[in-house]
């Protein structure tokens, strides 16, 4: 595991998205992507390259800035985890995608065992509770 300098956190997430070949999973309970055009562009570019992008948010918190993205949005009750992963890379973080100057940490998972543990956590605790977001509900 490698900890990233807080000023490089978003660039690490963008790089992960840009390197995806099959899928990207974004888990961020609270979101406000205003001002993060580079992040939004990387997400939409991934979708245009036939990379499936799945975005998990906290139930009831809305999808500020996410609805304009080409992603599948899911709501999860009481979600607080922050993680980002593809078919080959994974990051865990303390920060929400809210474009604020908070000091947050980002860990890049460097080995297969850490990656497997993250996927296992996601599959066991987050994915089963997820419901597709219906912005018209």
Protein backbone atom coordinates (compact mmCIF):
# COMPACT_ATOMS: atom_id res chain seq x y z
CA UNK A 1 0.00 0.00 0.00
CA UNK A 2 1.28 3.46 -0.92
CA UNK A 3 -0.03 6.66 0.65
CA UNK A 4 -0.32 9.60 -1.75
CA UNK A 5 0.39 13.27 -1.06
CA UNK A 6 -3.01 15.01 -0.54
CA UNK A 7 -2.31 17.41 -3.44
CA UNK A 8 -2.06 14.39 -5.78
CA UNK A 9 -5.17 12.50 -4.62
CA UNK A 10 -7.54 13.44 -7.43
CA UNK A 11 -4.85 12.88 -10.05
CA UNK A 12 -4.38 9.34 -8.72
CA UNK A 13 -8.09 8.66 -9.11
CA UNK A 14 -8.12 10.16 -12.62
CA UNK A 15 -5.15 7.99 -13.58
CA UNK A 16 -6.93 4.87 -12.30
CA UNK A 17 -10.00 5.75 -14.40
CA UNK A 18 -7.91 6.48 -17.49
CA UNK A 19 -6.10 3.13 -17.19
CA UNK A 20 -9.32 1.09 -16.96
CA UNK A 21 -9.98 -1.36 -19.79
CA UNK A 22 -13.21 -3.11 -18.68
CA UNK A 23 -14.83 -1.37 -15.73
CA UNK A 24 -14.51 1.34 -13.10
CA UNK A 25 -16.26 1.30 -9.73
CA UNK A 26 -16.50 4.61 -7.88
CA UNK A 27 -17.76 4.53 -4.29
CA UNK A 28 -18.16 8.02 -2.83
CA UNK A 29 -21.03 8.70 -0.42
CA UNK A 30 -21.09 12.48 -0.82
CA UNK A 31 -20.42 14.16 -4.15
CA UNK A 32 -20.16 17.57 -5.73
CA UNK A 33 -18.17 17.47 -8.94
CA UNK A 34 -18.47 21.20 -9.69
CA UNK A 35 -15.07 22.43 -10.83
CA UNK A 36 -13.66 18.95 -11.44
CA UNK A 37 -13.94 18.98 -15.22
CA UNK A 38 -10.84 16.81 -15.65
CA UNK A 39 -12.36 14.10 -13.43
CA UNK A 40 -15.72 14.31 -15.23
CA UNK A 41 -13.98 14.15 -18.62
CA UNK A 42 -11.97 11.09 -17.61
CA UNK A 43 -15.16 9.32 -16.49
CA UNK A 44 -17.01 10.16 -19.72
CA UNK A 45 -13.98 9.23 -21.84
CA UNK A 46 -13.85 5.84 -20.13
CA UNK A 47 -17.52 5.29 -20.99
CA UNK A 48 -16.88 6.27 -24.60
CA UNK A 49 -14.17 3.59 -24.73
CA UNK A 50 -16.79 0.98 -23.69
CA UNK A 51 -15.57 0.87 -20.09
CA UNK A 52 -18.53 0.27 -17.77
CA UNK A 53 -18.60 2.89 -15.01
CA UNK A 54 -20.56 2.13 -11.83
CA UNK A 55 -21.01 4.95 -9.31
CA UNK A 56 -22.18 4.23 -5.73
CA UNK A 57 -23.48 7.09 -3.55
CA UNK A 58 -25.09 7.33 -0.13
CA UNK A 59 -28.86 6.92 -0.25
CA UNK A 60 -30.70 10.23 0.03
CA UNK A 61 -27.65 12.43 -0.63
CA UNK A 62 -28.42 13.10 -4.28
CA UNK A 63 -26.14 12.94 -7.26
CA UNK A 64 -24.87 16.51 -7.64
CA UNK A 65 -22.85 16.68 -10.86
CA UNK A 66 -23.02 12.94 -11.47
CA UNK A 67 -26.21 12.86 -13.53
CA UNK A 68 -24.40 14.52 -16.44
CA UNK A 69 -21.97 11.60 -16.56
CA UNK A 70 -22.42 8.44 -18.57
CA UNK A 71 -22.45 6.15 -15.51
CA UNK A 72 -24.73 3.68 -13.78
CA UNK A 73 -25.65 5.22 -10.40
CA UNK A 74 -26.56 3.19 -7.33
CA UNK A 75 -27.64 4.33 -3.86
CA UNK A 76 -26.51 2.50 -0.73
CA UNK A 77 -28.04 3.12 2.73
CA UNK A 78 -25.60 4.57 5.29
CA UNK A 79 -22.66 4.33 2.85
CA UNK A 80 -19.48 5.87 4.20
CA UNK A 81 -16.73 3.92 2.39
CA UNK A 82 -14.67 5.63 -0.30
CA UNK A 83 -13.05 3.38 -2.88
CA UNK A 84 -12.19 3.35 -6.53
CA UNK A 85 -11.24 0.27 -8.51
CA UNK A 86 -10.92 -1.24 -11.95
CA UNK A 87 -10.19 -4.73 -13.15
CA UNK A 88 -6.54 -4.30 -12.13
CA UNK A 89 -6.09 -1.30 -9.78
CA UNK A 90 -7.62 -0.12 -6.51
CA UNK A 91 -7.56 2.94 -4.29
CA UNK A 92 -9.13 3.55 -0.89
CA UNK A 93 -9.55 7.06 0.48
CA UNK A 94 -10.83 9.16 3.35
CA UNK A 95 -12.20 11.81 1.02
CA UNK A 96 -15.52 12.23 -0.71
CA UNK A 97 -15.58 13.58 -4.25
CA UNK A 98 -16.64 17.07 -3.18
CA UNK A 99 -13.84 19.26 -4.58
CA UNK A 100 -13.04 20.83 -1.24
CA UNK A 101 -9.61 21.64 0.17
CA UNK A 102 -9.91 19.02 2.94
CA UNK A 103 -6.79 17.08 3.85
CA UNK A 104 -7.60 13.52 2.91
CA UNK A 105 -5.52 10.43 2.42
CA UNK A 106 -5.46 8.10 -0.54
CA UNK A 107 -3.89 4.65 -0.47
CA UNK A 108 -3.04 2.86 -3.68
CA UNK A 109 -3.26 -0.89 -3.14
CA UNK A 110 -0.09 -2.40 -4.57
CA UNK A 111 -0.53 -6.14 -4.35
CA UNK A 112 -3.08 -8.74 -5.43
CA UNK A 113 -4.01 -9.74 -1.88
CA UNK A 114 -4.97 -6.17 -0.91
CA UNK A 115 -6.93 -5.87 -4.17
CA UNK A 116 -8.79 -9.13 -3.47
CA UNK A 117 -9.65 -7.99 0.07
CA UNK A 118 -11.10 -4.72 -1.24
CA UNK A 119 -13.20 -6.51 -3.87
CA UNK A 120 -14.39 -8.97 -1.24
CA UNK A 121 -15.45 -6.11 1.07
CA UNK A 122 -17.30 -4.41 -1.79
CA UNK A 123 -19.05 -7.63 -2.87
CA UNK A 124 -20.06 -8.52 0.70
CA UNK A 125 -21.06 -5.18 2.22
CA UNK A 126 -21.81 -2.61 -0.49
CA UNK A 127 -23.08 -4.27 -3.66
CA UNK A 128 -25.88 -6.31 -2.00
CA UNK A 129 -27.41 -3.14 -0.51
CA UNK A 130 -27.21 -1.07 -3.70
CA UNK A 131 -30.34 0.06 -5.49
CA UNK A 132 -30.35 1.73 -8.93
CA UNK A 133 -30.80 5.49 -8.57
CA UNK A 134 -34.00 6.79 -10.07
CA UNK A 135 -33.76 10.56 -10.44
CA UNK A 136 -37.47 10.71 -11.26
CA UNK A 137 -38.64 8.94 -8.07
